[in-house]
Amino acid sequence: MTTTTSSRHTGAAALSPRAAARAGGLHPVGVFILLAGAFLPIMDFFITNVALPSIDASLHASASSLELVIAGYGVAYATLLVLGGRLGDRFGRRRVFLGALVGFVLASLACGAAPGVGALIAARIAQGATAALLIPQVLATFHHVLEGERKARAVALYGATSGIAAVVGQLVGGLLVGADIAGTSWRPIFLVNVPIGVVVLIV
């Protein structure tokens, strides 16, 4: 049984991404697509911290409102994380991953276009909720589809991705806020998720 399953996944890895998926395997490209999907929510948590002074100056937010911009995301994420894993098991990890990614992109767009701090907090909560549905599908897919060395490598890459996303979030956040693209101040830190998310969806 082990030999048969291992051969199936090895053969699937040699196929095109679409053919590998139909064969029940996970193409190497698929591993990086899943990692990209996990990268965005982790980066987004850290990228927002850098922009709080700019958000305060732009929206005239109170200290408590600024805390909710961060906490709303974190609480929604922590609360729904287990539910996200269960939904993936019940309705299919690919379907939940894609649906959550669409939701995260739309929530990011809403954050970037928020007219006031209340709308920003609501959009951040939506971001956290969709992130909680998105991230569990990544590790669950690795554990259920990959085997042996490929699984170990994918899980290691997931750990590295989490650390890199935290660092990149702070660096990119500082650069985007400092650049003040077209006078948009902090808004690009959220809007940058939109083109990246669309590319991941297409691929």
N, C-alpha and C. Protein backbone atom coordinates (compact mmCIF):
# COMPACT_ATOMS: atom_id res chain seq x y z
N MET A 1 0.85 -1.21 0.00
CA MET A 1 0.00 0.00 0.00
C MET A 1 0.87 1.24 0.00
N THR A 2 1.91 1.23 0.84
CA THR A 2 2.81 2.39 0.92
C THR A 2 3.50 2.62 -0.40
N THR A 3 3.97 1.52 -1.02
CA THR A 3 4.66 1.64 -2.29
C THR A 3 3.74 2.18 -3.37
N THR A 4 2.51 1.68 -3.39
CA THR A 4 1.54 2.13 -4.39
C THR A 4 1.24 3.61 -4.22
N THR A 5 0.99 4.03 -2.96
CA THR A 5 0.66 5.43 -2.69
C THR A 5 1.83 6.33 -3.02
N SER A 6 3.04 5.88 -2.63
CA SER A 6 4.23 6.68 -2.90
C SER A 6 4.45 6.84 -4.40
N SER A 7 4.23 5.75 -5.14
CA SER A 7 4.40 5.81 -6.59
C SER A 7 3.39 6.76 -7.22
N ARG A 8 2.17 6.75 -6.67
CA ARG A 8 1.14 7.61 -7.21
C ARG A 8 1.54 9.07 -7.05
N HIS A 9 2.07 9.43 -5.85
CA HIS A 9 2.45 10.82 -5.61
C HIS A 9 3.69 11.21 -6.39
N THR A 10 4.62 10.25 -6.57
CA THR A 10 5.82 10.55 -7.36
C THR A 10 5.44 10.79 -8.80
N GLY A 11 4.52 9.96 -9.31
CA GLY A 11 4.05 10.14 -10.68
C GLY A 11 3.29 11.43 -10.84
N ALA A 12 2.50 11.78 -9.83
CA ALA A 12 1.72 13.01 -9.89
C ALA A 12 2.63 14.22 -9.95
N ALA A 13 3.76 14.16 -9.22
CA ALA A 13 4.68 15.29 -9.20
C ALA A 13 5.31 15.52 -10.57
N ALA A 14 5.37 14.46 -11.39
CA ALA A 14 5.99 14.58 -12.71
C ALA A 14 5.01 15.12 -13.75
N LEU A 15 3.72 15.20 -13.41
CA LEU A 15 2.72 15.67 -14.34
C LEU A 15 2.61 17.20 -14.29
N SER A 16 1.76 17.72 -15.17
CA SER A 16 1.46 19.15 -15.10
C SER A 16 0.70 19.42 -13.81
N PRO A 17 0.65 20.68 -13.34
CA PRO A 17 -0.09 20.98 -12.11
C PRO A 17 -1.53 20.50 -12.14
N ARG A 18 -2.26 20.75 -13.26
CA ARG A 18 -3.66 20.35 -13.33
C ARG A 18 -3.81 18.83 -13.35
N ALA A 19 -2.94 18.16 -14.12
CA ALA A 19 -3.02 16.70 -14.19
C ALA A 19 -2.65 16.07 -12.85
N ALA A 20 -1.68 16.68 -12.15
CA ALA A 20 -1.30 16.17 -10.84
C ALA A 20 -2.46 16.26 -9.86
N ALA A 21 -3.19 17.37 -9.91
CA ALA A 21 -4.34 17.54 -9.02
C ALA A 21 -5.41 16.49 -9.31
N ARG A 22 -5.65 16.23 -10.61
CA ARG A 22 -6.66 15.24 -10.97
C ARG A 22 -6.23 13.84 -10.55
N ALA A 23 -4.93 13.61 -10.49
CA ALA A 23 -4.43 12.30 -10.10
C ALA A 23 -4.39 12.13 -8.58
N GLY A 24 -4.78 13.16 -7.85
CA GLY A 24 -4.80 13.07 -6.40
C GLY A 24 -3.49 13.45 -5.76
N GLY A 25 -2.56 14.01 -6.53
CA GLY A 25 -1.28 14.42 -5.97
C GLY A 25 -1.17 15.92 -5.86
N LEU A 26 0.03 16.39 -5.55
CA LEU A 26 0.28 17.82 -5.42
C LEU A 26 1.57 18.15 -6.15
N HIS A 27 1.44 18.88 -7.25
CA HIS A 27 2.59 19.29 -8.04
C HIS A 27 3.45 20.25 -7.21
N PRO A 28 4.78 20.27 -7.42
CA PRO A 28 5.64 21.21 -6.69
C PRO A 28 5.18 22.66 -6.81
N VAL A 29 4.63 23.03 -7.97
CA VAL A 29 4.10 24.38 -8.12
C VAL A 29 2.96 24.61 -7.13
N GLY A 30 2.16 23.57 -6.91
CA GLY A 30 1.05 23.67 -5.98
C GLY A 30 1.52 23.95 -4.56
N VAL A 31 2.66 23.38 -4.19
CA VAL A 31 3.21 23.63 -2.86
C VAL A 31 3.49 25.12 -2.67
N PHE A 32 4.10 25.74 -3.66
CA PHE A 32 4.45 27.15 -3.55
C PHE A 32 3.21 28.05 -3.64
N ILE A 33 2.20 27.62 -4.38
CA ILE A 33 0.95 28.38 -4.43
C ILE A 33 0.29 28.37 -3.06
N LEU A 34 0.26 27.20 -2.41
CA LEU A 34 -0.31 27.12 -1.07
C LEU A 34 0.50 27.97 -0.09
N LEU A 35 1.81 27.95 -0.21
CA LEU A 35 2.65 28.76 0.66
C LEU A 35 2.40 30.25 0.44
N ALA A 36 2.17 30.63 -0.82
CA ALA A 36 1.86 32.03 -1.12
C ALA A 36 0.55 32.44 -0.47
N GLY A 37 -0.42 31.52 -0.48
CA GLY A 37 -1.70 31.79 0.16
C GLY A 37 -1.56 31.96 1.66
N ALA A 38 -0.64 31.22 2.27
CA ALA A 38 -0.40 31.35 3.71
C ALA A 38 0.43 32.58 4.03
N PHE A 39 1.27 32.99 3.08
CA PHE A 39 2.18 34.13 3.28
C PHE A 39 1.40 35.43 3.48
N LEU A 40 0.37 35.63 2.68
CA LEU A 40 -0.37 36.91 2.71
C LEU A 40 -0.98 37.23 4.07
N PRO A 41 -1.75 36.31 4.69
CA PRO A 41 -2.35 36.65 5.99
C PRO A 41 -1.32 36.91 7.08
N ILE A 42 -0.22 36.14 7.07
CA ILE A 42 0.81 36.34 8.10
C ILE A 42 1.50 37.68 7.90
N MET A 43 1.84 38.00 6.66
CA MET A 43 2.47 39.28 6.36
C MET A 43 1.54 40.43 6.75
N ASP A 44 0.24 40.25 6.50
CA ASP A 44 -0.71 41.33 6.71
C ASP A 44 -0.82 41.69 8.19
N PHE A 45 -0.64 40.72 9.06
CA PHE A 45 -0.71 41.01 10.49
C PHE A 45 0.41 41.95 10.90
N PHE A 46 1.61 41.70 10.40
CA PHE A 46 2.77 42.49 10.81
C PHE A 46 2.88 43.80 10.02
N ILE A 47 2.40 43.82 8.81
CA ILE A 47 2.52 45.02 7.98
C ILE A 47 1.68 46.16 8.55
N THR A 48 0.59 45.81 9.23
CA THR A 48 -0.32 46.83 9.77
C THR A 48 0.29 47.57 10.95
N ASN A 49 1.09 46.87 11.75
CA ASN A 49 1.70 47.51 12.92
C ASN A 49 2.50 48.74 12.54
N VAL A 50 3.21 48.66 11.43
CA VAL A 50 4.07 49.76 10.99
C VAL A 50 3.26 50.98 10.58
N ALA A 51 2.04 50.74 10.12
CA ALA A 51 1.23 51.82 9.54
C ALA A 51 0.33 52.53 10.55
N LEU A 52 0.31 52.10 11.80
CA LEU A 52 -0.62 52.68 12.77
C LEU A 52 -0.49 54.20 12.92
N PRO A 53 0.71 54.76 12.99
CA PRO A 53 0.80 56.23 13.08
C PRO A 53 0.18 56.93 11.87
N SER A 54 0.37 56.37 10.67
CA SER A 54 -0.21 56.97 9.47
C SER A 54 -1.73 56.83 9.46
N ILE A 55 -2.23 55.70 9.93
CA ILE A 55 -3.67 55.50 10.03
C ILE A 55 -4.26 56.50 11.01
N ASP A 56 -3.59 56.70 12.12
CA ASP A 56 -4.03 57.67 13.13
C ASP A 56 -4.12 59.07 12.52
N ALA A 57 -3.07 59.47 11.80
CA ALA A 57 -3.04 60.82 11.23
C ALA A 57 -4.09 60.99 10.13
N SER A 58 -4.35 59.92 9.38
CA SER A 58 -5.28 60.01 8.25
C SER A 58 -6.74 59.95 8.69
N LEU A 59 -7.05 59.03 9.61
CA LEU A 59 -8.44 58.81 10.01
C LEU A 59 -8.78 59.41 11.36
N HIS A 60 -7.81 60.03 12.01
CA HIS A 60 -8.01 60.65 13.33
C HIS A 60 -8.60 59.63 14.31
N ALA A 61 -7.98 58.47 14.36
CA ALA A 61 -8.49 57.38 15.19
C ALA A 61 -8.01 57.54 16.63
N SER A 62 -8.83 57.05 17.54
CA SER A 62 -8.44 57.05 18.94
C SER A 62 -7.48 55.89 19.20
N ALA A 63 -6.85 55.91 20.37
CA ALA A 63 -5.91 54.84 20.72
C ALA A 63 -6.62 53.49 20.77
N SER A 64 -7.84 53.48 21.32
CA SER A 64 -8.59 52.22 21.42
C SER A 64 -8.98 51.70 20.03
N SER A 65 -9.29 52.62 19.11
CA SER A 65 -9.65 52.20 17.75
C SER A 65 -8.45 51.60 17.04
N LEU A 66 -7.29 52.19 17.25
CA LEU A 66 -6.07 51.65 16.63
C LEU A 66 -5.76 50.26 17.18
N GLU A 67 -6.02 50.06 18.47
CA GLU A 67 -5.81 48.73 19.04
C GLU A 67 -6.75 47.71 18.41
N LEU A 68 -7.98 48.15 18.12
CA LEU A 68 -8.95 47.24 17.50
C LEU A 68 -8.58 46.90 16.06
N VAL A 69 -7.88 47.79 15.38
CA VAL A 69 -7.42 47.50 14.02
C VAL A 69 -6.51 46.27 14.04
N ILE A 70 -5.70 46.15 15.09
CA ILE A 70 -4.82 45.00 15.24
C ILE A 70 -5.54 43.83 15.89
N ALA A 71 -6.22 44.11 17.01
CA ALA A 71 -6.84 43.04 17.80
C ALA A 71 -8.00 42.40 17.06
N GLY A 72 -8.76 43.18 16.28
CA GLY A 72 -9.89 42.62 15.55
C GLY A 72 -9.46 41.50 14.62
N TYR A 73 -8.34 41.72 13.95
CA TYR A 73 -7.79 40.70 13.05
C TYR A 73 -7.37 39.47 13.85
N GLY A 74 -6.60 39.70 14.92
CA GLY A 74 -6.06 38.59 15.70
C GLY A 74 -7.13 37.76 16.39
N VAL A 75 -8.13 38.43 16.96
CA VAL A 75 -9.20 37.71 17.66
C VAL A 75 -10.04 36.90 16.68
N ALA A 76 -10.40 37.49 15.56
CA ALA A 76 -11.18 36.75 14.55
C ALA A 76 -10.41 35.54 14.04
N TYR A 77 -9.12 35.73 13.83
CA TYR A 77 -8.27 34.63 13.35
C TYR A 77 -8.21 33.50 14.38
N ALA A 78 -7.92 33.85 15.64
CA ALA A 78 -7.78 32.82 16.68
C ALA A 78 -9.10 32.11 16.95
N THR A 79 -10.20 32.84 16.89
CA THR A 79 -11.51 32.27 17.20
C THR A 79 -11.96 31.26 16.16
N LEU A 80 -11.67 31.53 14.90
CA LEU A 80 -12.21 30.71 13.81
C LEU A 80 -11.22 29.71 13.22
N LEU A 81 -10.01 29.64 13.78
CA LEU A 81 -8.97 28.79 13.20
C LEU A 81 -9.37 27.32 13.18
N VAL A 82 -9.88 26.82 14.31
CA VAL A 82 -10.29 25.41 14.37
C VAL A 82 -11.46 25.15 13.42
N LEU A 83 -12.41 26.09 13.39
CA LEU A 83 -13.54 25.96 12.47
C LEU A 83 -13.07 25.90 11.02
N GLY A 84 -12.05 26.70 10.69
CA GLY A 84 -11.51 26.68 9.34
C GLY A 84 -11.00 25.31 8.95
N GLY A 85 -10.31 24.64 9.87
CA GLY A 85 -9.82 23.30 9.59
C GLY A 85 -10.95 22.30 9.38
N ARG A 86 -11.99 22.42 10.19
CA ARG A 86 -13.12 21.49 10.08
C ARG A 86 -13.91 21.71 8.79
N LEU A 87 -14.04 22.97 8.40
CA LEU A 87 -14.74 23.26 7.14
C LEU A 87 -13.99 22.68 5.96
N GLY A 88 -12.64 22.74 6.01
CA GLY A 88 -11.85 22.15 4.94
C GLY A 88 -12.04 20.65 4.85
N ASP A 89 -12.11 19.99 6.01
CA ASP A 89 -12.33 18.54 6.02
C ASP A 89 -13.71 18.18 5.47
N ARG A 90 -14.68 19.02 5.75
CA ARG A 90 -16.06 18.69 5.37
C ARG A 90 -16.37 19.04 3.92
N PHE A 91 -15.95 20.23 3.47
CA PHE A 91 -16.34 20.71 2.15
C PHE A 91 -15.22 20.64 1.11
N GLY A 92 -14.04 20.20 1.52
CA GLY A 92 -12.93 20.10 0.58
C GLY A 92 -11.94 21.23 0.80
N ARG A 93 -10.68 20.86 0.98
CA ARG A 93 -9.67 21.88 1.30
C ARG A 93 -9.44 22.84 0.14
N ARG A 94 -9.48 22.34 -1.09
CA ARG A 94 -9.26 23.23 -2.24
C ARG A 94 -10.38 24.26 -2.34
N ARG A 95 -11.61 23.81 -2.16
CA ARG A 95 -12.75 24.71 -2.27
C ARG A 95 -12.70 25.79 -1.18
N VAL A 96 -12.41 25.38 0.05
CA VAL A 96 -12.35 26.34 1.15
C VAL A 96 -11.16 27.28 0.97
N PHE A 97 -10.03 26.74 0.52
CA PHE A 97 -8.85 27.58 0.29
C PHE A 97 -9.16 28.68 -0.72
N LEU A 98 -9.75 28.30 -1.86
CA LEU A 98 -10.04 29.29 -2.89
C LEU A 98 -11.09 30.31 -2.42
N GLY A 99 -12.13 29.82 -1.75
CA GLY A 99 -13.16 30.72 -1.25
C GLY A 99 -12.61 31.69 -0.22
N ALA A 100 -11.76 31.18 0.68
CA ALA A 100 -11.16 32.03 1.71
C ALA A 100 -10.20 33.05 1.09
N LEU A 101 -9.48 32.63 0.05
CA LEU A 101 -8.56 33.55 -0.60
C LEU A 101 -9.31 34.69 -1.29
N VAL A 102 -10.43 34.35 -1.94
CA VAL A 102 -11.27 35.39 -2.54
C VAL A 102 -11.76 36.35 -1.46
N GLY A 103 -12.21 35.80 -0.34
CA GLY A 103 -12.68 36.63 0.76
C GLY A 103 -11.58 37.52 1.32
N PHE A 104 -10.37 36.97 1.43
CA PHE A 104 -9.25 37.75 1.96
C PHE A 104 -8.89 38.90 1.03
N VAL A 105 -8.90 38.63 -0.26
CA VAL A 105 -8.60 39.69 -1.25
C VAL A 105 -9.65 40.79 -1.18
N LEU A 106 -10.92 40.41 -1.11
CA LEU A 106 -11.99 41.42 -1.03
C LEU A 106 -11.91 42.21 0.27
N ALA A 107 -11.59 41.53 1.38
CA ALA A 107 -11.44 42.22 2.67
C ALA A 107 -10.26 43.18 2.63
N SER A 108 -9.18 42.78 1.95
CA SER A 108 -8.02 43.66 1.81
C SER A 108 -8.38 44.90 1.01
N LEU A 109 -9.17 44.70 -0.04
CA LEU A 109 -9.63 45.84 -0.85
C LEU A 109 -10.49 46.78 -0.01
N ALA A 110 -11.35 46.19 0.84
CA ALA A 110 -12.19 47.00 1.72
C ALA A 110 -11.34 47.77 2.74
N CYS A 111 -10.28 47.14 3.23
CA CYS A 111 -9.37 47.84 4.16
C CYS A 111 -8.72 49.03 3.47
N GLY A 112 -8.22 48.81 2.27
CA GLY A 112 -7.53 49.87 1.55
C GLY A 112 -8.43 51.02 1.16
N ALA A 113 -9.73 50.74 1.02
CA ALA A 113 -10.67 51.78 0.61
C ALA A 113 -11.49 52.32 1.78
N ALA A 114 -11.19 51.89 3.00
CA ALA A 114 -12.00 52.26 4.17
C ALA A 114 -12.07 53.78 4.34
N PRO A 115 -13.28 54.34 4.42
CA PRO A 115 -13.42 55.80 4.57
C PRO A 115 -13.23 56.28 6.00
N GLY A 116 -13.35 55.37 6.95
CA GLY A 116 -13.21 55.74 8.35
C GLY A 116 -12.67 54.58 9.16
N VAL A 117 -12.35 54.85 10.42
CA VAL A 117 -11.73 53.81 11.24
C VAL A 117 -12.70 52.68 11.54
N GLY A 118 -14.01 52.97 11.64
CA GLY A 118 -14.99 51.92 11.89
C GLY A 118 -15.04 50.92 10.75
N ALA A 119 -15.04 51.44 9.53
CA ALA A 119 -15.04 50.56 8.35
C ALA A 119 -13.75 49.76 8.28
N LEU A 120 -12.65 50.38 8.68
CA LEU A 120 -11.36 49.68 8.65
C LEU A 120 -11.35 48.53 9.66
N ILE A 121 -11.88 48.77 10.85
CA ILE A 121 -11.94 47.72 11.87
C ILE A 121 -12.80 46.56 11.38
N ALA A 122 -13.96 46.86 10.79
CA ALA A 122 -14.85 45.81 10.29
C ALA A 122 -14.16 44.99 9.19
N ALA A 123 -13.45 45.68 8.29
CA ALA A 123 -12.75 44.98 7.22
C ALA A 123 -11.60 44.15 7.76
N ARG A 124 -10.95 44.63 8.82
CA ARG A 124 -9.85 43.86 9.44
C ARG A 124 -10.39 42.59 10.09
N ILE A 125 -11.56 42.68 10.71
CA ILE A 125 -12.17 41.49 11.29
C ILE A 125 -12.49 40.47 10.19
N ALA A 126 -12.99 40.97 9.06
CA ALA A 126 -13.26 40.09 7.93
C ALA A 126 -11.96 39.46 7.41
N GLN A 127 -10.90 40.24 7.39
CA GLN A 127 -9.59 39.70 6.99
C GLN A 127 -9.17 38.56 7.91
N GLY A 128 -9.28 38.78 9.21
CA GLY A 128 -8.88 37.75 10.18
C GLY A 128 -9.71 36.49 10.04
N ALA A 129 -11.02 36.67 9.78
CA ALA A 129 -11.90 35.52 9.63
C ALA A 129 -11.53 34.70 8.40
N THR A 130 -11.27 35.38 7.28
CA THR A 130 -10.91 34.64 6.06
C THR A 130 -9.52 34.01 6.18
N ALA A 131 -8.63 34.68 6.91
CA ALA A 131 -7.30 34.09 7.14
C ALA A 131 -7.41 32.80 7.93
N ALA A 132 -8.35 32.77 8.89
CA ALA A 132 -8.56 31.57 9.70
C ALA A 132 -9.09 30.41 8.88
N LEU A 133 -9.80 30.70 7.80
CA LEU A 133 -10.26 29.65 6.90
C LEU A 133 -9.18 29.23 5.92
N LEU A 134 -8.29 30.16 5.59
CA LEU A 134 -7.29 29.95 4.55
C LEU A 134 -6.11 29.11 5.04
N ILE A 135 -5.51 29.51 6.14
CA ILE A 135 -4.24 28.91 6.56
C ILE A 135 -4.35 27.42 6.94
N PRO A 136 -5.41 26.97 7.64
CA PRO A 136 -5.47 25.53 7.97
C PRO A 136 -5.45 24.61 6.76
N GLN A 137 -5.94 25.10 5.62
CA GLN A 137 -5.98 24.25 4.43
C GLN A 137 -4.57 23.93 3.91
N VAL A 138 -3.63 24.82 4.19
CA VAL A 138 -2.27 24.63 3.70
C VAL A 138 -1.61 23.43 4.38
N LEU A 139 -1.53 23.47 5.70
CA LEU A 139 -0.90 22.37 6.42
C LEU A 139 -1.69 21.07 6.27
N ALA A 140 -3.02 21.16 6.26
CA ALA A 140 -3.83 19.95 6.11
C ALA A 140 -3.57 19.29 4.76
N THR A 141 -3.43 20.10 3.72
CA THR A 141 -3.15 19.54 2.39
C THR A 141 -1.78 18.88 2.36
N PHE A 142 -0.80 19.53 2.96
CA PHE A 142 0.54 18.94 3.02
C PHE A 142 0.51 17.58 3.71
N HIS A 143 -0.21 17.50 4.84
CA HIS A 143 -0.22 16.27 5.63
C HIS A 143 -1.01 15.15 4.95
N HIS A 144 -2.05 15.51 4.21
CA HIS A 144 -2.90 14.48 3.62
C HIS A 144 -2.46 14.05 2.24
N VAL A 145 -1.77 14.91 1.52
CA VAL A 145 -1.43 14.61 0.11
C VAL A 145 0.03 14.21 -0.07
N LEU A 146 0.92 14.84 0.69
CA LEU A 146 2.35 14.55 0.53
C LEU A 146 2.80 13.46 1.48
N GLU A 147 3.94 12.87 1.15
CA GLU A 147 4.48 11.80 1.98
C GLU A 147 5.99 11.95 2.11
N GLY A 148 6.53 11.37 3.17
CA GLY A 148 7.97 11.25 3.35
C GLY A 148 8.72 12.56 3.25
N GLU A 149 9.74 12.56 2.40
CA GLU A 149 10.62 13.72 2.27
C GLU A 149 9.88 14.94 1.73
N ARG A 150 8.96 14.74 0.81
CA ARG A 150 8.20 15.88 0.25
C ARG A 150 7.36 16.56 1.32
N LYS A 151 6.75 15.76 2.20
CA LYS A 151 5.95 16.34 3.29
C LYS A 151 6.85 17.11 4.25
N ALA A 152 7.97 16.51 4.63
CA ALA A 152 8.89 17.17 5.56
C ALA A 152 9.41 18.47 4.98
N ARG A 153 9.72 18.46 3.69
CA ARG A 153 10.23 19.68 3.04
C ARG A 153 9.15 20.76 2.99
N ALA A 154 7.92 20.35 2.67
CA ALA A 154 6.83 21.33 2.57
C ALA A 154 6.52 21.95 3.93
N VAL A 155 6.52 21.14 4.98
CA VAL A 155 6.25 21.67 6.32
C VAL A 155 7.38 22.61 6.76
N ALA A 156 8.62 22.24 6.42
CA ALA A 156 9.75 23.11 6.75
C ALA A 156 9.65 24.44 6.01
N LEU A 157 9.24 24.38 4.75
CA LEU A 157 9.05 25.61 3.98
C LEU A 157 7.93 26.46 4.57
N TYR A 158 6.89 25.82 5.10
CA TYR A 158 5.80 26.55 5.73
C TYR A 158 6.32 27.32 6.95
N GLY A 159 7.16 26.65 7.76
CA GLY A 159 7.74 27.33 8.92
C GLY A 159 8.61 28.50 8.51
N ALA A 160 9.42 28.30 7.47
CA ALA A 160 10.26 29.38 6.98
C ALA A 160 9.43 30.52 6.42
N THR A 161 8.34 30.17 5.72
CA THR A 161 7.47 31.18 5.15
C THR A 161 6.87 32.07 6.24
N SER A 162 6.47 31.47 7.35
CA SER A 162 5.89 32.24 8.45
C SER A 162 6.88 33.26 8.98
N GLY A 163 8.14 32.84 9.17
CA GLY A 163 9.16 33.76 9.67
C GLY A 163 9.48 34.86 8.68
N ILE A 164 9.60 34.47 7.41
CA ILE A 164 9.91 35.46 6.37
C ILE A 164 8.77 36.47 6.23
N ALA A 165 7.53 35.99 6.32
CA ALA A 165 6.37 36.88 6.18
C ALA A 165 6.35 37.94 7.27
N ALA A 166 6.75 37.56 8.49
CA ALA A 166 6.79 38.51 9.59
C ALA A 166 7.81 39.62 9.32
N VAL A 167 8.97 39.24 8.81
CA VAL A 167 10.01 40.22 8.53
C VAL A 167 9.64 41.08 7.33
N VAL A 168 9.19 40.42 6.27
CA VAL A 168 8.82 41.15 5.05
C VAL A 168 7.67 42.12 5.33
N GLY A 169 6.72 41.70 6.17
CA GLY A 169 5.59 42.56 6.49
C GLY A 169 6.04 43.90 7.06
N GLN A 170 6.98 43.86 7.98
CA GLN A 170 7.45 45.10 8.60
C GLN A 170 8.28 45.93 7.62
N LEU A 171 9.11 45.28 6.82
CA LEU A 171 9.93 46.01 5.85
C LEU A 171 9.07 46.64 4.76
N VAL A 172 8.19 45.83 4.17
CA VAL A 172 7.34 46.33 3.09
C VAL A 172 6.38 47.40 3.62
N GLY A 173 5.87 47.19 4.83
CA GLY A 173 4.98 48.18 5.42
C GLY A 173 5.66 49.53 5.55
N GLY A 174 6.89 49.52 6.05
CA GLY A 174 7.63 50.78 6.18
C GLY A 174 7.91 51.43 4.84
N LEU A 175 8.26 50.62 3.84
CA LEU A 175 8.56 51.17 2.51
C LEU A 175 7.31 51.77 1.86
N LEU A 176 6.18 51.05 1.95
CA LEU A 176 4.96 51.53 1.31
C LEU A 176 4.42 52.79 1.98
N VAL A 177 4.47 52.81 3.30
CA VAL A 177 4.00 54.00 4.01
C VAL A 177 4.91 55.19 3.72
N GLY A 178 6.21 54.93 3.74
CA GLY A 178 7.17 56.00 3.47
C GLY A 178 7.09 56.52 2.05
N ALA A 179 6.76 55.64 1.10
CA ALA A 179 6.67 56.06 -0.30
C ALA A 179 5.46 56.95 -0.54
N ASP A 180 4.39 56.76 0.25
CA ASP A 180 3.17 57.58 0.13
C ASP A 180 2.74 57.66 -1.34
N ILE A 181 2.52 56.51 -1.94
CA ILE A 181 2.21 56.42 -3.37
C ILE A 181 0.95 57.21 -3.71
N ALA A 182 1.09 58.19 -4.57
CA ALA A 182 -0.03 59.03 -5.02
C ALA A 182 -0.82 59.61 -3.86
N GLY A 183 -0.13 59.87 -2.77
CA GLY A 183 -0.78 60.47 -1.61
C GLY A 183 -1.72 59.53 -0.87
N THR A 184 -1.55 58.21 -1.07
CA THR A 184 -2.47 57.24 -0.46
C THR A 184 -2.03 56.79 0.94
N SER A 185 -0.89 57.28 1.39
CA SER A 185 -0.42 57.03 2.75
C SER A 185 -0.34 55.53 3.06
N TRP A 186 -1.17 55.04 4.01
CA TRP A 186 -1.10 53.66 4.49
C TRP A 186 -1.89 52.68 3.62
N ARG A 187 -2.73 53.15 2.74
CA ARG A 187 -3.66 52.27 2.03
C ARG A 187 -2.98 51.18 1.17
N PRO A 188 -1.83 51.45 0.55
CA PRO A 188 -1.19 50.39 -0.25
C PRO A 188 -0.78 49.15 0.55
N ILE A 189 -0.65 49.26 1.87
CA ILE A 189 -0.26 48.06 2.64
C ILE A 189 -1.34 46.99 2.56
N PHE A 190 -2.58 47.41 2.34
CA PHE A 190 -3.68 46.46 2.16
C PHE A 190 -3.93 46.16 0.69
N LEU A 191 -3.84 47.18 -0.13
CA LEU A 191 -4.15 47.01 -1.56
C LEU A 191 -3.13 46.12 -2.26
N VAL A 192 -1.91 46.01 -1.71
CA VAL A 192 -0.89 45.17 -2.33
C VAL A 192 -1.32 43.70 -2.32
N ASN A 193 -2.20 43.33 -1.39
CA ASN A 193 -2.68 41.95 -1.33
C ASN A 193 -3.55 41.58 -2.53
N VAL A 194 -4.17 42.59 -3.13
CA VAL A 194 -5.15 42.32 -4.20
C VAL A 194 -4.49 41.70 -5.43
N PRO A 195 -3.47 42.34 -6.03
CA PRO A 195 -2.86 41.71 -7.22
C PRO A 195 -2.18 40.39 -6.91
N ILE A 196 -1.55 40.30 -5.73
CA ILE A 196 -0.89 39.04 -5.36
C ILE A 196 -1.93 37.93 -5.22
N GLY A 197 -3.02 38.22 -4.53
CA GLY A 197 -4.07 37.24 -4.35
C GLY A 197 -4.70 36.80 -5.65
N VAL A 198 -4.89 37.74 -6.57
CA VAL A 198 -5.48 37.41 -7.88
C VAL A 198 -4.55 36.48 -8.66
N VAL A 199 -3.25 36.74 -8.60
CA VAL A 199 -2.29 35.87 -9.30
C VAL A 199 -2.34 34.46 -8.72
N VAL A 200 -2.39 34.34 -7.40
CA VAL A 200 -2.45 33.02 -6.77
C VAL A 200 -3.73 32.31 -7.19
N LEU A 201 -4.84 33.02 -7.24
CA LEU A 201 -6.11 32.42 -7.66
C LEU A 201 -6.04 31.91 -9.09
N ILE A 202 -5.46 32.71 -9.97
CA ILE A 202 -5.37 32.31 -11.38
C ILE A 202 -4.50 31.08 -11.56
N VAL A 203 -3.36 31.09 -10.90
CA VAL A 203 -2.43 29.95 -11.03
C VAL A 203 -3.01 28.69 -10.42
